[in-house]
C-alpha atoms as a PDB file:
ATOM      1  CA  UNK A   1      -2.099   3.357  -0.265  1.00  0.00           C
ATOM      2  CA  UNK A   2      -2.772   4.738   3.143  1.00  0.00           C
ATOM      3  CA  UNK A   3      -2.800   1.489   5.083  1.00  0.00           C
ATOM      4  CA  UNK A   4      -1.109  -1.802   4.286  1.00  0.00           C
ATOM      5  CA  UNK A   5      -0.505  -5.062   6.101  1.00  0.00           C
ATOM      6  CA  UNK A   6       1.967  -7.465   4.575  1.00  0.00           C
ATOM      7  CA  UNK A   7       2.745 -11.071   5.505  1.00  0.00           C
ATOM      8  CA  UNK A   8       6.171 -11.826   4.048  1.00  0.00           C
ATOM      9  CA  UNK A   9       7.457 -15.415   4.136  1.00  0.00           C
ATOM     10  CA  UNK A  10       5.194 -15.907   7.163  1.00  0.00           C
ATOM     11  CA  UNK A  11       3.140 -18.979   6.164  1.00  0.00           C
ATOM     12  CA  UNK A  12       3.911 -22.414   4.686  1.00  0.00           C
ATOM     13  CA  UNK A  13       1.445 -21.828   1.821  1.00  0.00           C
ATOM     14  CA  UNK A  14       2.126 -18.178   1.016  1.00  0.00           C
ATOM     15  CA  UNK A  15       5.257 -16.296   0.063  1.00  0.00           C
ATOM     16  CA  UNK A  16       3.389 -12.982   0.222  1.00  0.00           C
ATOM     17  CA  UNK A  17      -0.033 -11.784   1.272  1.00  0.00           C
ATOM     18  CA  UNK A  18      -0.539  -8.010   1.151  1.00  0.00           C
ATOM     19  CA  UNK A  19      -3.805  -6.237   1.957  1.00  0.00           C
ATOM     20  CA  UNK A  20      -4.481  -2.522   1.977  1.00  0.00           C
ATOM     21  CA  UNK A  21      -6.617   0.505   1.192  1.00  0.00           C
ATOM     22  CA  UNK A  22      -5.784   3.478  -0.970  1.00  0.00           C
ATOM     23  CA  UNK A  23      -7.195   6.715   0.490  1.00  0.00           C
ATOM     24  CA  UNK A  24      -7.247   9.685  -1.862  1.00  0.00           C
ATOM     25  CA  UNK A  25      -9.333  12.603  -3.098  1.00  0.00           C
ATOM     26  CA  UNK A  26     -12.317  11.147  -4.935  1.00  0.00           C
ATOM     27  CA  UNK A  27     -11.926  13.761  -7.645  1.00  0.00           C
ATOM     28  CA  UNK A  28      -8.399  12.620  -8.561  1.00  0.00           C
ATOM     29  CA  UNK A  29      -8.724  10.440 -11.690  1.00  0.00           C
ATOM     30  CA  UNK A  30      -7.266   6.935 -11.731  1.00  0.00           C
ATOM     31  CA  UNK A  31      -7.270   3.985 -14.082  1.00  0.00           C
ATOM     32  CA  UNK A  32      -8.245   0.614 -12.570  1.00  0.00           C
ATOM     33  CA  UNK A  33      -5.932  -2.319 -11.995  1.00  0.00           C
ATOM     34  CA  UNK A  34      -4.640  -3.747 -15.278  1.00  0.00           C
ATOM     35  CA  UNK A  35      -1.520  -4.878 -17.093  1.00  0.00           C
ATOM     36  CA  UNK A  36       0.322  -1.830 -18.342  1.00  0.00           C
ATOM     37  CA  UNK A  37       0.544  -1.762 -22.121  1.00  0.00           C
ATOM     38  CA  UNK A  38       3.997  -0.153 -22.026  1.00  0.00           C
ATOM     39  CA  UNK A  39       5.318  -2.775 -19.556  1.00  0.00           C
ATOM     40  CA  UNK A  40       3.121  -5.868 -19.841  1.00  0.00           C
ATOM     41  CA  UNK A  41       4.900  -7.630 -16.952  1.00  0.00           C
ATOM     42  CA  UNK A  42       3.584  -4.928 -14.608  1.00  0.00           C
ATOM     43  CA  UNK A  43       0.137  -5.084 -12.958  1.00  0.00           C
ATOM     44  CA  UNK A  44      -1.134  -1.993 -11.142  1.00  0.00           C
ATOM     45  CA  UNK A  45      -3.646   0.816 -11.129  1.00  0.00           C
ATOM     46  CA  UNK A  46      -2.502   4.128 -12.567  1.00  0.00           C
ATOM     47  CA  UNK A  47      -2.788   7.658 -11.223  1.00  0.00           C
ATOM     48  CA  UNK A  48      -3.921   9.655 -14.262  1.00  0.00           C
ATOM     49  CA  UNK A  49      -2.806  12.994 -12.826  1.00  0.00           C
ATOM     50  CA  UNK A  50       0.871  12.103 -12.224  1.00  0.00           C
ATOM     51  CA  UNK A  51       1.260   8.839 -14.149  1.00  0.00           C
ATOM     52  CA  UNK A  52       2.517   6.667 -11.300  1.00  0.00           C
ATOM     53  CA  UNK A  53       0.899   4.106  -9.044  1.00  0.00           C
ATOM     54  CA  UNK A  54       0.372   3.315  -5.364  1.00  0.00           C
ATOM     55  CA  UNK A  55       0.710  -0.482  -5.347  1.00  0.00           C
ATOM     56  CA  UNK A  56       1.700  -3.041  -7.944  1.00  0.00           C
ATOM     57  CA  UNK A  57       3.543  -6.195  -8.898  1.00  0.00           C
ATOM     58  CA  UNK A  58       5.822  -7.243 -11.734  1.00  0.00           C
ATOM     59  CA  UNK A  59       6.201 -10.726 -13.132  1.00  0.00           C
ATOM     60  CA  UNK A  60       9.923 -10.035 -13.034  1.00  0.00           C
ATOM     61  CA  UNK A  61       9.670 -10.619  -9.280  1.00  0.00           C
ATOM     62  CA  UNK A  62       8.995  -7.152  -7.881  1.00  0.00           C
ATOM     63  CA  UNK A  63       6.337  -5.753  -5.532  1.00  0.00           C
ATOM     64  CA  UNK A  64       5.929  -2.210  -4.213  1.00  0.00           C
ATOM     65  CA  UNK A  65       3.461  -0.238  -2.086  1.00  0.00           C
ATOM     66  CA  UNK A  66       3.625   3.307  -0.720  1.00  0.00           C
ATOM     67  CA  UNK A  67       1.863   5.263   2.018  1.00  0.00           C
ATOM     68  CA  UNK A  68       2.173   8.981   2.579  1.00  0.00           C
ATOM     69  CA  UNK A  69       3.339  10.204   5.999  1.00  0.00           C
ATOM     70  CA  UNK A  70       0.987  12.796   7.456  1.00  0.00           C
ATOM     71  CA  UNK A  71       2.223  16.076   8.867  1.00  0.00           C
ATOM     72  CA  UNK A  72       0.954  19.556   9.641  1.00  0.00           C
ATOM     73  CA  UNK A  73       2.490  20.841   6.412  1.00  0.00           C
ATOM     74  CA  UNK A  74       0.660  20.564   3.098  1.00  0.00           C
ATOM     75  CA  UNK A  75       2.374  18.500   0.382  1.00  0.00           C
ATOM     76  CA  UNK A  76       4.816  20.476  -1.734  1.00  0.00           C
ATOM     77  CA  UNK A  77       3.367  20.269  -5.245  1.00  0.00           C
ATOM     78  CA  UNK A  78       6.753  21.145  -6.740  1.00  0.00           C
ATOM     79  CA  UNK A  79       8.238  17.849  -5.558  1.00  0.00           C
ATOM     80  CA  UNK A  80       8.236  14.707  -7.671  1.00  0.00           C
ATOM     81  CA  UNK A  81       5.263  12.364  -7.330  1.00  0.00           C
ATOM     82  CA  UNK A  82       5.752   9.475  -4.905  1.00  0.00           C
ATOM     83  CA  UNK A  83       4.058   7.282  -7.497  1.00  0.00           C
ATOM     84  CA  UNK A  84       7.125   7.707  -9.726  1.00  0.00           C
ATOM     85  CA  UNK A  85       9.121   5.572  -7.289  1.00  0.00           C
ATOM     86  CA  UNK A  86       6.790   2.625  -7.755  1.00  0.00           C
ATOM     87  CA  UNK A  87       6.275   3.032 -11.493  1.00  0.00           C
ATOM     88  CA  UNK A  88       9.986   3.046 -12.237  1.00  0.00           C
ATOM     89  CA  UNK A  89      10.915   0.362  -9.710  1.00  0.00           C
ATOM     90  CA  UNK A  90       8.214  -2.036 -10.915  1.00  0.00           C
ATOM     91  CA  UNK A  91       8.813  -1.413 -14.601  1.00  0.00           C
ATOM     92  CA  UNK A  92      12.594  -1.550 -14.245  1.00  0.00           C
ATOM     93  CA  UNK A  93      12.791   1.612 -16.337  1.00  0.00           C
ATOM     94  CA  UNK A  94      13.250   5.307 -15.523  1.00  0.00           C
ATOM     95  CA  UNK A  95      15.265   7.452 -13.156  1.00  0.00           C
ATOM     96  CA  UNK A  96      13.806   5.790 -10.035  1.00  0.00           C
ATOM     97  CA  UNK A  97      14.287   2.199 -11.202  1.00  0.00           C
ATOM     98  CA  UNK A  98      17.342   1.828  -8.916  1.00  0.00           C
ATOM     99  CA  UNK A  99      16.163   3.118  -5.564  1.00  0.00           C
ATOM    100  CA  UNK A 100      19.606   3.169  -3.980  1.00  0.00           C
ATOM    101  CA  UNK A 101      20.522   5.924  -6.452  1.00  0.00           C
ATOM    102  CA  UNK A 102      17.424   8.054  -5.700  1.00  0.00           C
ATOM    103  CA  UNK A 103      17.434  11.078  -3.389  1.00  0.00           C
ATOM    104  CA  UNK A 104      14.383  10.462  -1.210  1.00  0.00           C
ATOM    105  CA  UNK A 105      14.493  14.079  -0.025  1.00  0.00           C
ATOM    106  CA  UNK A 106      13.132  15.047  -3.455  1.00  0.00           C
ATOM    107  CA  UNK A 107       9.745  13.608  -2.456  1.00  0.00           C
ATOM    108  CA  UNK A 108       7.014  14.481   0.008  1.00  0.00           C
ATOM    109  CA  UNK A 109       6.951  12.287   3.152  1.00  0.00           C
ATOM    110  CA  UNK A 110       6.446   8.579   2.449  1.00  0.00           C
ATOM    111  CA  UNK A 111       6.828   5.004   3.632  1.00  0.00           C
ATOM    112  CA  UNK A 112       7.648   2.509   0.866  1.00  0.00           C
ATOM    113  CA  UNK A 113       7.918  -1.271   0.917  1.00  0.00           C
ATOM    114  CA  UNK A 114       9.654  -3.001  -1.978  1.00  0.00           C
ATOM    115  CA  UNK A 115      10.402  -6.634  -2.748  1.00  0.00           C
ATOM    116  CA  UNK A 116      12.934  -7.723  -5.360  1.00  0.00           C
ATOM    117  CA  UNK A 117      14.936 -10.932  -5.691  1.00  0.00           C
ATOM    118  CA  UNK A 118      13.152 -12.251  -2.595  1.00  0.00           C
ATOM    119  CA  UNK A 119      14.474  -9.372  -0.475  1.00  0.00           C
ATOM    120  CA  UNK A 120      11.921  -7.128   1.261  1.00  0.00           C
ATOM    121  CA  UNK A 121      12.978  -3.580   2.180  1.00  0.00           C
ATOM    122  CA  UNK A 122      11.143  -0.737   3.875  1.00  0.00           C
ATOM    123  CA  UNK A 123      12.159   2.801   2.915  1.00  0.00           C
ATOM    124  CA  UNK A 124      11.150   6.116   4.445  1.00  0.00           C
ATOM    125  CA  UNK A 125      12.215   9.741   4.145  1.00  0.00           C
ATOM    126  CA  UNK A 126      10.779  11.160   7.386  1.00  0.00           C
ATOM    127  CA  UNK A 127      12.181  12.065   9.796  1.00  0.00           C
ATOM    128  CA  UNK A 128      15.311  10.763   8.040  1.00  0.00           C
ATOM    129  CA  UNK A 129      15.932   8.816   4.844  1.00  0.00           C
ATOM    130  CA  UNK A 130      16.339   5.123   5.639  1.00  0.00           C
ATOM    131  CA  UNK A 131      16.197   1.768   3.885  1.00  0.00           C
ATOM    132  CA  UNK A 132      16.271  -1.417   5.953  1.00  0.00           C
ATOM    133  CA  UNK A 133      15.417  -5.026   5.298  1.00  0.00           C
ATOM    134  CA  UNK A 134      12.197  -6.618   6.526  1.00  0.00           C
ATOM    135  CA  UNK A 135      12.478  -9.959   8.265  1.00  0.00           C
ATOM    136  CA  UNK A 136       9.892 -12.680   7.578  1.00  0.00           C
ATOM    137  CA  UNK A 137       6.686 -11.857   9.420  1.00  0.00           C
ATOM    138  CA  UNK A 138       3.707  -9.500   9.388  1.00  0.00           C
ATOM    139  CA  UNK A 139       4.395  -5.805   8.889  1.00  0.00           C
ATOM    140  CA  UNK A 140       1.924  -2.912   8.836  1.00  0.00           C
ATOM    141  CA  UNK A 141       2.129   0.714   7.748  1.00  0.00           C
ATOM    142  CA  UNK A 142      -0.329   3.571   7.657  1.00  0.00           C
ATOM    143  CA  UNK A 143       0.277   7.316   7.603  1.00  0.00           C
ATOM    144  CA  UNK A 144       2.544   7.424  10.631  1.00  0.00           C
ATOM    145  CA  UNK A 145       6.309   7.112  10.961  1.00  0.00           C
ATOM    146  CA  UNK A 146       7.862   3.650  10.946  1.00  0.00           C
ATOM    147  CA  UNK A 147       8.766   3.704  14.620  1.00  0.00           C
ATOM    148  CA  UNK A 148       5.247   4.748  15.707  1.00  0.00           C
ATOM    149  CA  UNK A 149       2.653   2.558  13.902  1.00  0.00           C
ATOM    150  CA  UNK A 150      -0.897   3.806  14.114  1.00  0.00           C
ATOM    151  CA  UNK A 151      -3.421   1.758  16.041  1.00  0.00           C
ATOM    152  CA  UNK A 152      -5.459   0.851  12.971  1.00  0.00           C
ATOM    153  CA  UNK A 153      -2.362  -0.676  11.361  1.00  0.00           C
ATOM    154  CA  UNK A 154      -1.920  -2.906  14.405  1.00  0.00           C
ATOM    155  CA  UNK A 155      -5.545  -4.057  14.085  1.00  0.00           C
ATOM    156  CA  UNK A 156      -5.129  -4.817  10.390  1.00  0.00           C
ATOM    157  CA  UNK A 157      -1.987  -6.825  11.154  1.00  0.00           C
ATOM    158  CA  UNK A 158      -3.930  -8.821  13.744  1.00  0.00           C
ATOM    159  CA  UNK A 159      -6.749  -9.507  11.281  1.00  0.00           C
ATOM    160  CA  UNK A 160      -4.261 -10.740   8.682  1.00  0.00           C
ATOM    161  CA  UNK A 161      -2.600 -12.975  11.259  1.00  0.00           C
ATOM    162  CA  UNK A 162      -5.979 -14.522  12.170  1.00  0.00           C
ATOM    163  CA  UNK A 163      -6.672 -15.193   8.496  1.00  0.00           C
ATOM    164  CA  UNK A 164      -3.321 -16.931   8.059  1.00  0.00           C
ATOM    165  CA  UNK A 165      -3.955 -19.067  11.131  1.00  0.00           C
ATOM    166  CA  UNK A 166      -7.334 -20.123   9.693  1.00  0.00           C
ATOM    167  CA  UNK A 167      -5.567 -21.697   6.656  1.00  0.00           C
ATOM    168  CA  UNK A 168      -8.375 -20.395   4.447  1.00  0.00           C
ATOM    169  CA  UNK A 169      -7.589 -20.882   0.763  1.00  0.00           C
ATOM    170  CA  UNK A 170      -9.208 -17.796  -0.800  1.00  0.00           C
ATOM    171  CA  UNK A 171      -7.508 -14.509   0.178  1.00  0.00           C
ATOM    172  CA  UNK A 172     -10.261 -12.377  -1.362  1.00  0.00           C
ATOM    173  CA  UNK A 173     -12.246 -12.902   1.852  1.00  0.00           C
ATOM    174  CA  UNK A 174      -9.816 -10.370   3.342  1.00  0.00           C
ATOM    175  CA  UNK A 175     -11.632  -7.650   1.387  1.00  0.00           C
ATOM    176  CA  UNK A 176     -14.238  -7.671   4.163  1.00  0.00           C
ATOM    177  CA  UNK A 177     -11.556  -6.845   6.750  1.00  0.00           C
ATOM    178  CA  UNK A 178     -10.655  -3.738   4.737  1.00  0.00           C
ATOM    179  CA  UNK A 179     -14.187  -2.290   5.050  1.00  0.00           C
ATOM    180  CA  UNK A 180     -13.857  -1.749   8.828  1.00  0.00           C
ATOM    181  CA  UNK A 181     -14.888   1.851   9.576  1.00  0.00           C
ATOM    182  CA  UNK A 182     -14.482   1.586  13.369  1.00  0.00           C
ATOM    183  CA  UNK A 183     -12.458   4.535  14.662  1.00  0.00           C
ATOM    184  CA  UNK A 184      -9.481   4.131  16.965  1.00  0.00           C
ATOM    185  CA  UNK A 185      -9.673   7.124  19.349  1.00  0.00           C
ATOM    186  CA  UNK A 186      -6.430   8.345  20.842  1.00  0.00           C
ATOM    187  CA  UNK A 187      -5.954   8.597  24.573  1.00  0.00           C
ATOM    188  CA  UNK A 188      -4.293  11.089  26.864  1.00  0.00           C
ATOM    189  CA  UNK A 189      -1.815  13.593  25.503  1.00  0.00           C
ATOM    190  CA  UNK A 190      -1.908  12.062  22.022  1.00  0.00           C
ATOM    191  CA  UNK A 191      -5.313  13.684  21.488  1.00  0.00           C
ATOM    192  CA  UNK A 192      -3.706  17.121  21.443  1.00  0.00           C
ATOM    193  CA  UNK A 193      -0.992  16.170  18.960  1.00  0.00           C
ATOM    194  CA  UNK A 194      -2.988  15.476  15.807  1.00  0.00           C
ATOM    195  CA  UNK A 195      -1.699  16.959  12.553  1.00  0.00           C
ATOM    196  CA  UNK A 196      -4.095  18.664  10.160  1.00  0.00           C
ATOM    197  CA  UNK A 197      -4.898  15.933   7.669  1.00  0.00           C
ATOM    198  CA  UNK A 198      -7.651  14.119   5.801  1.00  0.00           C
ATOM    199  CA  UNK A 199      -6.778  10.805   7.428  1.00  0.00           C
ATOM    200  CA  UNK A 200      -6.560  11.460  11.189  1.00  0.00           C
ATOM    201  CA  UNK A 201      -4.707   8.962  13.323  1.00  0.00           C
ATOM    202  CA  UNK A 202      -7.993   7.948  14.955  1.00  0.00           C
ATOM    203  CA  UNK A 203      -9.710   7.076  11.659  1.00  0.00           C
ATOM    204  CA  UNK A 204     -10.847   3.600  10.696  1.00  0.00           C
ATOM    205  CA  UNK A 205      -9.208   1.178   8.305  1.00  0.00           C
ATOM    206  CA  UNK A 206     -11.838   2.254   5.722  1.00  0.00           C
ATOM    207  CA  UNK A 207     -12.520   5.997   5.428  1.00  0.00           C
ATOM    208  CA  UNK A 208     -15.996   6.975   4.266  1.00  0.00           C
ATOM    209  CA  UNK A 209     -15.994  10.603   3.179  1.00  0.00           C
ATOM    210  CA  UNK A 210     -17.426  12.188   0.006  1.00  0.00           C
ATOM    211  CA  UNK A 211     -14.318  14.335  -0.598  1.00  0.00           C
ATOM    212  CA  UNK A 212     -11.376  12.237   0.598  1.00  0.00           C
ATOM    213  CA  UNK A 213     -11.761   8.581   1.436  1.00  0.00           C
ATOM    214  CA  UNK A 214     -11.005   4.996   0.552  1.00  0.00           C
ATOM    215  CA  UNK A 215     -10.865   4.675  -3.232  1.00  0.00           C
ATOM    216  CA  UNK A 216      -9.954   1.003  -3.490  1.00  0.00           C
ATOM    217  CA  UNK A 217      -8.979  -2.103  -1.548  1.00  0.00           C
ATOM    218  CA  UNK A 218      -6.284  -4.426  -2.875  1.00  0.00           C
ATOM    219  CA  UNK A 219      -5.247  -8.004  -2.122  1.00  0.00           C
ATOM    220  CA  UNK A 220      -1.988  -9.470  -3.441  1.00  0.00           C
ATOM    221  CA  UNK A 221      -1.392 -13.197  -2.925  1.00  0.00           C
ATOM    222  CA  UNK A 222       1.647 -15.193  -4.081  1.00  0.00           C
ATOM    223  CA  UNK A 223       2.226 -18.810  -3.119  1.00  0.00           C
ATOM    224  CA  UNK A 224       5.580 -20.566  -2.845  1.00  0.00           C
ATOM    225  CA  UNK A 225       5.184 -22.040  -6.333  1.00  0.00           C
ATOM    226  CA  UNK A 226       5.048 -18.556  -7.849  1.00  0.00           C
ATOM    227  CA  UNK A 227       1.317 -18.486  -8.585  1.00  0.00           C
ATOM    228  CA  UNK A 228      -0.011 -15.016  -7.946  1.00  0.00           C
ATOM    229  CA  UNK A 229      -3.218 -13.027  -7.998  1.00  0.00           C
ATOM    230  CA  UNK A 230      -4.032  -9.374  -7.446  1.00  0.00           C
ATOM    231  CA  UNK A 231      -7.560  -8.176  -6.701  1.00  0.00           C
ATOM    232  CA  UNK A 232      -8.764  -4.573  -6.618  1.00  0.00           C
ATOM    233  CA  UNK A 233     -12.203  -3.512  -5.381  1.00  0.00           C
ATOM    234  CA  UNK A 234     -13.080   0.113  -6.112  1.00  0.00           C
ATOM    235  CA  UNK A 235     -15.420   2.466  -4.255  1.00  0.00           C
ATOM    236  CA  UNK A 236     -17.419   5.551  -5.169  1.00  0.00           C
ATOM    237  CA  UNK A 237     -17.506   8.675  -3.007  1.00  0.00           C
ATOM    238  CA  UNK A 238     -20.606   7.190  -1.351  1.00  0.00           C
ATOM    239  CA  UNK A 239     -18.448   4.171  -0.297  1.00  0.00           C
ATOM    240  CA  UNK A 240     -20.510   1.898  -2.558  1.00  0.00           C
ATOM    241  CA  UNK A 241     -18.618  -0.643  -4.646  1.00  0.00           C
ATOM    242  CA  UNK A 242     -18.338   0.578  -8.246  1.00  0.00           C
ATOM    243  CA  UNK A 243     -15.933  -1.926  -9.802  1.00  0.00           C
ATOM    244  CA  UNK A 244     -13.681  -4.904  -9.213  1.00  0.00           C
ATOM    245  CA  UNK A 245     -10.767  -6.481 -11.088  1.00  0.00           C
ATOM    246  CA  UNK A 246      -8.808  -9.663 -10.498  1.00  0.00           C
ATOM    247  CA  UNK A 247      -5.718 -10.691 -12.445  1.00  0.00           C
ATOM    248  CA  UNK A 248      -3.462 -13.734 -12.257  1.00  0.00           C
ATOM    249  CA  UNK A 249       0.288 -13.558 -12.746  1.00  0.00           C
ATOM    250  CA  UNK A 250       3.461 -15.572 -12.384  1.00  0.00           C
ATOM    251  CA  UNK A 251       6.259 -14.827  -9.945  1.00  0.00           C
ATOM    252  CA  UNK A 252       9.753 -16.305 -10.146  1.00  0.00           C
ATOM    253  CA  UNK A 253       9.713 -19.355  -7.835  1.00  0.00           C
END
């Protein structure tokens, strides 16, 4: 995912609402949201190239989502895939299943949010490796460092907050919020400090581009009784919708 807004323990009806877009090369193959046959408690899309995922949930009470952190340097293809962190954490199996034993420096720059046993933690490895708990509230991440959230992440947080205040019952209406292509131009000196990247800091919440753009939008909703749903809407390189999946799951109450 390249932008995510997450409401954690922030509403009397909802334990978790997470909304976000995955931005990626359109030519990189991916399998749509589904239960994984090798771990049927796990619900996520799958990156065919590296075998991991970008966002998912487990009926064992785990949630994870990752964003890359943009920089002027190209990703080091010799490093492990960031999707491995999520696959192993969500499945509970593999060398990355216990994140406190993982060397984050082995991976290209990332921000990662995990939830397990009703504890939410945000991890990052740039500029330094950190893991710190997330208090109840609304939290947003895009491709910037934790301490400097991009403007579009702030706007997505605000849109999620308005939805929560409306007490609307169906979270899939938030898919419309994720189609916002309005740019967020930088001002002053920040304009001269843009890294070379496919997702510039001034880009919209939804990126329409035939080479690199928004591949899917995802909504995760879990109420306080442990009833959950995950919805994925997929997009072609033209930005037209080309598929949608919605799955229900149970979360430990």
